[in-house]
């Protein structure tokens, strides 16, 4: 089949781009002709709180990526849609994660389908966004009616689709394991690479720092007297996408300076394995969520994980078997971390994680996409 993926990819950075590129290589390995259409302009400045949208890493090899779509230029949407209509791929896979993208992506998909050959399958990261803005419902409704079928990577998104489409053609496929961020290395090697002391044990909060990800809950948990007594530090690895002053004030208020390792810049791909392999437990104290790519990086590195009982996160962690599922409160997070160390659960959790990650294959995702394609013919 001839397949085009429409969404973020190199030179854009982040988890959505990473998934698109990894999905493309999986489809290539299955024998399909695959290219990615990405953005010339993705976000206007007011929607992007980070330092830069771009990576300085090399592009993936043997993967055609074309910068085509301007997210704010309606004339461009029409041109890209016409181009895809003429190209006539069998399948257009479009990522949807933010209502702001609804008009651009929805217009391109509508135009492409006019050739009566191309089928459009959406991989929906979110249908209802974490951070709400005026126009969300209108933009999403416009987008979904330009799509033939949907992949949801969490049960919550799977249910949310029914709010926008009557009897949607949809499948549930959990987010696959991110298996392209380097090899598993020893704890000692990882600590040496990061310049960290082996005298401490380490927790890891990884990824862009946004309000809904609950770093403030984790900082409050770290102030628990039971944790202060332990040789445990929290690594915060990721760029601020929110109110940096707020988090810094919490660190000062709870006197956490000696309990933290702050690496609050963007973490390049070739360093990710160092952070995960240095940590004993990956902590995701989210206040709201659908699914999370961080969890799937954790699975790749065989790491136990602590998640909060929000959105789709509890679907992929076996509570007290491969990690913890707790309420989104500082006390519950602290209780689980204390239990992890006091009960010596690391070895058993690692073994369970190795077994569970078999459920999150890339072939499962591509198989569900093809099921939809066949159904909408």
Protein backbone atom coordinates (compact mmCIF):
# COMPACT_ATOMS: atom_id res chain seq x y z
CA UNK A 1 0.00 0.00 0.00
CA UNK A 2 0.95 3.61 -0.45
CA UNK A 3 0.61 5.32 2.93
CA UNK A 4 1.06 8.94 4.01
CA UNK A 5 1.27 9.93 7.68
CA UNK A 6 0.12 13.49 8.34
CA UNK A 7 1.49 15.09 11.50
CA UNK A 8 4.62 16.18 13.37
CA UNK A 9 7.96 14.67 12.34
CA UNK A 10 11.57 15.78 11.98
CA UNK A 11 12.68 18.58 12.35
CA UNK A 12 9.95 18.89 15.00
CA UNK A 13 10.63 17.23 18.32
CA UNK A 14 8.54 15.52 20.97
CA UNK A 15 6.62 12.32 21.54
CA UNK A 16 4.09 12.74 18.73
CA UNK A 17 6.86 13.17 16.17
CA UNK A 18 8.70 10.20 17.65
CA UNK A 19 5.65 7.97 17.35
CA UNK A 20 4.96 9.04 13.76
CA UNK A 21 8.51 8.24 12.72
CA UNK A 22 8.57 4.90 14.53
CA UNK A 23 5.17 3.96 13.08
CA UNK A 24 6.42 4.82 9.60
CA UNK A 25 9.43 2.52 9.95
CA UNK A 26 7.18 -0.28 11.23
CA UNK A 27 4.90 0.09 8.21
CA UNK A 28 7.94 0.12 5.91
CA UNK A 29 9.14 -3.12 7.46
CA UNK A 30 5.72 -4.60 6.72
CA UNK A 31 6.27 -3.81 3.03
CA UNK A 32 4.37 -0.57 2.54
CA UNK A 33 5.54 2.59 0.76
CA UNK A 34 5.43 5.25 3.48
CA UNK A 35 6.10 8.98 3.66
CA UNK A 36 5.31 11.66 6.21
CA UNK A 37 3.81 15.07 5.51
CA UNK A 38 4.74 17.40 8.35
CA UNK A 39 4.57 21.12 9.05
CA UNK A 40 6.28 24.18 7.69
CA UNK A 41 4.68 26.01 10.63
CA UNK A 42 3.22 23.95 13.46
CA UNK A 43 2.40 26.31 16.34
CA UNK A 44 2.17 30.08 16.52
CA UNK A 45 4.27 31.43 19.39
CA UNK A 46 1.32 31.91 21.77
CA UNK A 47 0.57 28.17 21.72
CA UNK A 48 4.15 27.03 22.25
CA UNK A 49 5.53 27.69 25.74
CA UNK A 50 8.88 25.94 25.26
CA UNK A 51 12.20 27.25 24.02
CA UNK A 52 12.06 25.75 20.54
CA UNK A 53 9.87 23.39 18.54
CA UNK A 54 12.83 21.97 16.65
CA UNK A 55 15.44 19.29 17.18
CA UNK A 56 19.04 19.50 16.05
CA UNK A 57 19.27 15.71 15.79
CA UNK A 58 19.75 14.00 12.42
CA UNK A 59 16.59 12.98 10.53
CA UNK A 60 15.63 9.30 10.47
CA UNK A 61 17.31 7.40 7.68
CA UNK A 62 15.41 6.09 4.65
CA UNK A 63 12.18 7.83 5.66
CA UNK A 64 10.80 10.46 3.26
CA UNK A 65 9.61 13.47 5.28
CA UNK A 66 8.13 16.45 3.45
CA UNK A 67 7.49 19.79 5.13
CA UNK A 68 4.17 20.86 3.65
CA UNK A 69 1.50 22.05 6.08
CA UNK A 70 1.11 25.52 7.59
CA UNK A 71 -1.23 25.20 10.56
CA UNK A 72 -2.56 28.77 10.27
CA UNK A 73 -2.83 29.34 6.51
CA UNK A 74 -6.15 28.16 4.96
CA UNK A 75 -4.83 28.55 1.41
CA UNK A 76 -2.01 26.18 2.30
CA UNK A 77 -4.50 23.63 3.67
CA UNK A 78 -6.29 23.63 0.34
CA UNK A 79 -3.04 23.20 -1.60
CA UNK A 80 -1.83 20.31 0.57
CA UNK A 81 -5.23 18.63 0.37
CA UNK A 82 -5.20 18.95 -3.43
CA UNK A 83 -1.69 17.51 -3.56
CA UNK A 84 -2.70 14.48 -1.51
CA UNK A 85 -5.81 14.05 -3.63
CA UNK A 86 -3.59 13.83 -6.74
CA UNK A 87 -1.03 11.62 -5.01
CA UNK A 88 -3.89 9.26 -4.10
CA UNK A 89 -2.35 7.20 -1.30
CA UNK A 90 -4.38 4.17 -0.29
CA UNK A 91 -4.26 5.31 3.31
CA UNK A 92 -3.77 8.67 5.02
CA UNK A 93 -2.96 8.30 8.73
CA UNK A 94 -3.51 11.58 10.58
CA UNK A 95 -2.56 12.37 14.18
CA UNK A 96 -4.99 14.42 16.27
CA UNK A 97 -3.89 15.79 19.63
CA UNK A 98 -5.05 19.40 19.85
CA UNK A 99 -8.28 21.11 18.70
CA UNK A 100 -6.28 24.04 17.34
CA UNK A 101 -5.16 21.65 14.58
CA UNK A 102 -8.73 20.68 13.69
CA UNK A 103 -9.35 23.19 10.89
CA UNK A 104 -6.03 22.52 9.11
CA UNK A 105 -6.06 18.74 9.44
CA UNK A 106 -9.79 18.47 8.80
CA UNK A 107 -9.56 20.49 5.58
CA UNK A 108 -6.62 18.45 4.25
CA UNK A 109 -8.39 15.18 5.00
CA UNK A 110 -11.61 16.30 3.32
CA UNK A 111 -9.74 17.34 0.19
CA UNK A 112 -7.67 14.15 0.04
CA UNK A 113 -10.74 11.90 0.26
CA UNK A 114 -12.32 13.51 -2.78
CA UNK A 115 -10.36 11.15 -5.03
CA UNK A 116 -12.65 8.37 -3.74
CA UNK A 117 -9.62 6.16 -3.19
CA UNK A 118 -7.80 7.50 -0.14
CA UNK A 119 -9.12 6.37 3.23
CA UNK A 120 -8.35 8.44 6.33
CA UNK A 121 -7.57 6.83 9.68
CA UNK A 122 -6.99 9.08 12.68
CA UNK A 123 -4.77 8.15 15.61
CA UNK A 124 -6.41 10.18 18.35
CA UNK A 125 -4.13 11.13 21.22
CA UNK A 126 -6.87 13.30 22.69
CA UNK A 127 -10.40 14.21 21.68
CA UNK A 128 -11.07 16.39 24.71
CA UNK A 129 -7.88 18.35 25.46
CA UNK A 130 -6.10 18.60 28.81
CA UNK A 131 -5.98 22.39 28.63
CA UNK A 132 -9.27 23.81 27.34
CA UNK A 133 -9.62 26.84 25.07
CA UNK A 134 -12.53 28.53 23.27
CA UNK A 135 -13.44 26.75 20.04
CA UNK A 136 -12.26 23.29 21.12
CA UNK A 137 -15.57 21.53 20.50
CA UNK A 138 -16.21 23.28 17.18
CA UNK A 139 -12.72 22.54 15.84
CA UNK A 140 -12.82 18.90 16.90
CA UNK A 141 -16.26 18.35 15.44
CA UNK A 142 -15.08 19.76 12.12
CA UNK A 143 -12.04 17.49 12.11
CA UNK A 144 -13.69 14.19 13.01
CA UNK A 145 -16.19 14.41 10.18
CA UNK A 146 -13.33 14.34 7.69
CA UNK A 147 -12.14 10.94 8.92
CA UNK A 148 -13.18 7.37 8.01
CA UNK A 149 -12.04 5.61 11.18
CA UNK A 150 -10.23 6.10 14.47
CA UNK A 151 -7.53 4.51 16.60
CA UNK A 152 -7.73 5.39 20.30
CA UNK A 153 -4.70 4.69 22.48
CA UNK A 154 -6.67 4.87 25.72
CA UNK A 155 -10.13 3.70 26.76
CA UNK A 156 -11.01 7.27 27.73
CA UNK A 157 -10.41 8.58 24.21
CA UNK A 158 -12.22 5.51 22.83
CA UNK A 159 -15.32 6.58 24.81
CA UNK A 160 -14.91 10.28 24.04
CA UNK A 161 -15.22 9.61 20.30
CA UNK A 162 -18.90 8.77 20.80
CA UNK A 163 -19.50 12.38 21.89
CA UNK A 164 -18.53 13.62 18.42
CA UNK A 165 -19.32 10.83 15.94
CA UNK A 166 -22.40 8.61 15.83
CA UNK A 167 -21.31 4.95 15.58
CA UNK A 168 -17.68 5.68 14.73
CA UNK A 169 -15.51 3.01 13.14
CA UNK A 170 -12.93 2.73 15.89
CA UNK A 171 -10.41 0.40 17.50
CA UNK A 172 -8.50 0.51 20.77
CA UNK A 173 -4.75 0.00 20.45
CA UNK A 174 -2.58 0.93 23.44
CA UNK A 175 0.43 3.15 22.85
CA UNK A 176 3.29 0.88 21.72
CA UNK A 177 6.59 0.65 23.55
CA UNK A 178 9.11 3.29 22.48
CA UNK A 179 11.96 0.92 21.65
CA UNK A 180 14.23 3.29 19.74
CA UNK A 181 15.79 5.34 22.54
CA UNK A 182 18.94 3.33 22.96
CA UNK A 183 20.05 0.21 24.74
CA UNK A 184 19.54 -0.69 28.37
CA UNK A 185 22.75 0.13 30.21
CA UNK A 186 23.84 -0.57 33.76
CA UNK A 187 22.86 1.72 36.60
CA UNK A 188 26.54 2.44 37.20
CA UNK A 189 27.13 3.47 33.59
CA UNK A 190 24.02 5.66 33.58
CA UNK A 191 24.98 7.42 36.81
CA UNK A 192 28.48 8.04 35.54
CA UNK A 193 27.13 9.52 32.29
CA UNK A 194 24.91 11.90 34.28
CA UNK A 195 27.54 12.74 36.88
CA UNK A 196 25.43 11.38 39.73
CA UNK A 197 26.55 9.71 42.94
CA UNK A 198 25.93 5.99 43.41
CA UNK A 199 25.37 6.69 47.13
CA UNK A 200 21.76 7.69 46.37
CA UNK A 201 18.75 5.98 44.81
CA UNK A 202 16.85 7.93 42.17
CA UNK A 203 13.27 8.57 41.12
CA UNK A 204 12.58 10.06 37.68
CA UNK A 205 10.04 12.61 36.50
CA UNK A 206 10.56 12.81 32.74
CA UNK A 207 9.14 14.97 29.96
CA UNK A 208 7.84 18.46 29.33
CA UNK A 209 6.71 20.12 32.56
CA UNK A 210 3.08 21.16 32.17
CA UNK A 211 0.48 21.91 34.83
CA UNK A 212 -1.61 18.79 34.20
CA UNK A 213 1.42 16.52 34.72
CA UNK A 214 1.37 17.17 38.46
CA UNK A 215 5.00 17.90 39.23
CA UNK A 216 3.79 20.05 42.11
CA UNK A 217 2.18 16.97 43.68
CA UNK A 218 5.45 15.09 43.41
CA UNK A 219 7.43 17.95 44.93
CA UNK A 220 5.03 18.00 47.88
CA UNK A 221 5.42 14.23 48.18
CA UNK A 222 9.20 14.61 48.30
CA UNK A 223 8.80 16.85 51.35
CA UNK A 224 7.36 13.91 53.32
CA UNK A 225 9.53 13.25 56.37
CA UNK A 226 9.71 9.53 55.56
CA UNK A 227 11.35 10.29 52.22
CA UNK A 228 13.64 12.94 53.63
CA UNK A 229 15.15 10.27 55.87
CA UNK A 230 16.05 8.07 52.89
CA UNK A 231 19.03 8.43 50.51
CA UNK A 232 16.59 9.09 47.66
CA UNK A 233 16.67 11.91 45.13
CA UNK A 234 14.25 12.95 42.40
CA UNK A 235 15.59 13.60 38.91
CA UNK A 236 13.46 16.14 37.04
CA UNK A 237 14.41 15.77 33.38
CA UNK A 238 12.49 17.91 30.95
CA UNK A 239 11.84 21.44 29.79
CA UNK A 240 9.44 23.79 31.55
CA UNK A 241 6.25 24.29 29.52
CA UNK A 242 4.52 26.08 32.35
CA UNK A 243 5.06 28.43 35.25
CA UNK A 244 8.68 27.82 36.17
CA UNK A 245 8.52 30.34 39.03
CA UNK A 246 5.72 28.34 40.68
CA UNK A 247 7.76 25.13 40.78
CA UNK A 248 10.88 26.92 41.95
CA UNK A 249 8.88 28.51 44.75
CA UNK A 250 7.70 25.06 45.88
CA UNK A 251 11.27 23.79 45.89
CA UNK A 252 12.31 26.70 48.08
CA UNK A 253 9.24 26.49 50.31
CA UNK A 254 9.77 22.79 51.07
CA UNK A 255 13.60 23.11 51.15
CA UNK A 256 14.01 20.41 48.53
CA UNK A 257 17.24 21.65 46.92
CA UNK A 258 19.29 18.73 48.27
CA UNK A 259 16.62 16.17 47.27
CA UNK A 260 16.50 17.07 43.58
CA UNK A 261 18.54 16.75 40.41
CA UNK A 262 17.29 19.45 38.04
CA UNK A 263 17.96 18.88 34.35
CA UNK A 264 15.23 21.20 33.08
CA UNK A 265 16.26 21.47 29.46
CA UNK A 266 15.12 19.38 26.53
CA UNK A 267 16.62 15.90 26.79
CA UNK A 268 18.09 14.71 23.46
CA UNK A 269 17.19 11.23 22.28
CA UNK A 270 20.68 9.82 22.69
CA UNK A 271 20.64 10.69 26.41
CA UNK A 272 17.22 9.32 27.33
CA UNK A 273 18.52 5.86 28.20
CA UNK A 274 20.88 7.37 30.79
CA UNK A 275 18.00 8.93 32.72
CA UNK A 276 15.78 5.86 32.69
CA UNK A 277 18.58 3.43 33.49
CA UNK A 278 19.74 5.58 36.41
CA UNK A 279 16.29 5.52 38.03
CA UNK A 280 14.66 2.89 40.22
CA UNK A 281 11.10 4.13 39.70
CA UNK A 282 9.49 6.36 37.05
CA UNK A 283 6.88 8.67 38.60
CA UNK A 284 3.99 10.16 36.61
CA UNK A 285 1.88 12.17 39.07
CA UNK A 286 -0.57 13.41 36.43
CA UNK A 287 -3.72 15.31 37.36
CA UNK A 288 -5.34 14.42 34.02
CA UNK A 289 -4.24 12.16 31.18
CA UNK A 290 -5.28 10.03 28.24
CA UNK A 291 -2.16 7.96 27.60
CA UNK A 292 1.52 8.76 28.01
CA UNK A 293 4.54 8.07 25.87
CA UNK A 294 6.72 8.32 28.99
CA UNK A 295 5.16 5.11 30.28
CA UNK A 296 6.09 3.35 27.08
CA UNK A 297 9.68 4.54 27.33
CA UNK A 298 9.68 3.14 30.86
CA UNK A 299 8.50 -0.22 29.59
CA UNK A 300 11.31 -0.34 27.05
CA UNK A 301 13.86 0.10 29.85
CA UNK A 302 12.10 -2.44 32.13
CA UNK A 303 11.37 0.19 34.75
CA UNK A 304 8.68 0.03 37.45
CA UNK A 305 6.34 2.98 37.27
CA UNK A 306 4.09 4.94 39.58
CA UNK A 307 1.07 6.55 37.88
CA UNK A 308 -2.00 8.30 39.16
CA UNK A 309 -5.50 6.97 38.70
CA UNK A 310 -6.47 9.36 35.89
CA UNK A 311 -7.38 8.85 32.25
CA UNK A 312 -5.82 5.85 30.57
CA UNK A 313 -2.75 5.55 32.82
CA UNK A 314 -4.18 2.79 35.07
CA UNK A 315 -4.85 0.66 31.98
CA UNK A 316 -1.18 -0.04 31.39
CA UNK A 317 0.28 -0.45 34.89
CA UNK A 318 -0.50 -3.50 37.03
CA UNK A 319 -0.96 -2.04 40.50
CA UNK A 320 1.44 -3.53 43.06
CA UNK A 321 2.71 -5.93 40.41
CA UNK A 322 4.69 -3.81 37.95
CA UNK A 323 4.26 -0.51 39.75
CA UNK A 324 1.66 1.59 41.52
CA UNK A 325 -1.65 3.19 40.61
CA UNK A 326 -2.49 5.82 43.23
CA UNK A 327 -4.82 8.76 43.71
CA UNK A 328 -3.44 12.10 42.50
CA UNK A 329 -2.45 13.35 45.93
CA UNK A 330 0.94 14.06 47.46
CA UNK A 331 0.26 11.68 50.37
CA UNK A 332 -0.67 8.73 48.14
CA UNK A 333 2.41 9.30 45.97
CA UNK A 334 4.67 9.46 49.01
CA UNK A 335 3.09 6.31 50.52
CA UNK A 336 3.82 4.33 47.34
CA UNK A 337 7.43 5.52 47.08
CA UNK A 338 8.05 4.62 50.72
CA UNK A 339 6.52 1.18 50.17
CA UNK A 340 8.66 0.63 47.07
CA UNK A 341 11.88 1.07 49.03
CA UNK A 342 10.83 -0.32 52.42
CA UNK A 343 9.35 -3.51 50.94
CA UNK A 344 12.18 -4.01 48.45
CA UNK A 345 9.82 -4.34 45.49
CA UNK A 346 12.17 -3.37 42.65
CA UNK A 347 13.23 -6.84 41.47
CA UNK A 348 9.69 -8.26 41.37
CA UNK A 349 8.31 -5.15 39.66
CA UNK A 350 11.06 -5.25 37.01
CA UNK A 351 10.24 -8.88 36.22
CA UNK A 352 6.54 -8.11 35.86
CA UNK A 353 7.30 -5.09 33.67
CA UNK A 354 9.32 -7.26 31.29
CA UNK A 355 6.37 -9.58 30.91
CA UNK A 356 3.71 -6.89 30.53
CA UNK A 357 5.54 -4.93 27.84
CA UNK A 358 4.85 -7.78 25.41
CA UNK A 359 1.28 -6.42 25.24
CA UNK A 360 2.39 -3.14 23.66
CA UNK A 361 3.75 -4.12 20.26
CA UNK A 362 3.92 -1.97 17.15
CA UNK A 363 2.41 -4.79 15.10
CA UNK A 364 -0.71 -4.56 17.25
CA UNK A 365 -1.10 -0.88 16.31
CA UNK A 366 -0.51 -1.44 12.60
CA UNK A 367 -2.86 -4.43 12.67
CA UNK A 368 -5.68 -2.32 14.10
CA UNK A 369 -5.06 0.37 11.48
CA UNK A 370 -5.40 -2.23 8.73
CA UNK A 371 -8.58 -3.61 10.29
CA UNK A 372 -10.13 -0.16 10.01
CA UNK A 373 -8.87 0.26 6.45
CA UNK A 374 -10.54 -2.98 5.39
CA UNK A 375 -13.79 -2.10 7.19
CA UNK A 376 -14.19 1.29 5.51
CA UNK A 377 -13.59 0.04 1.97
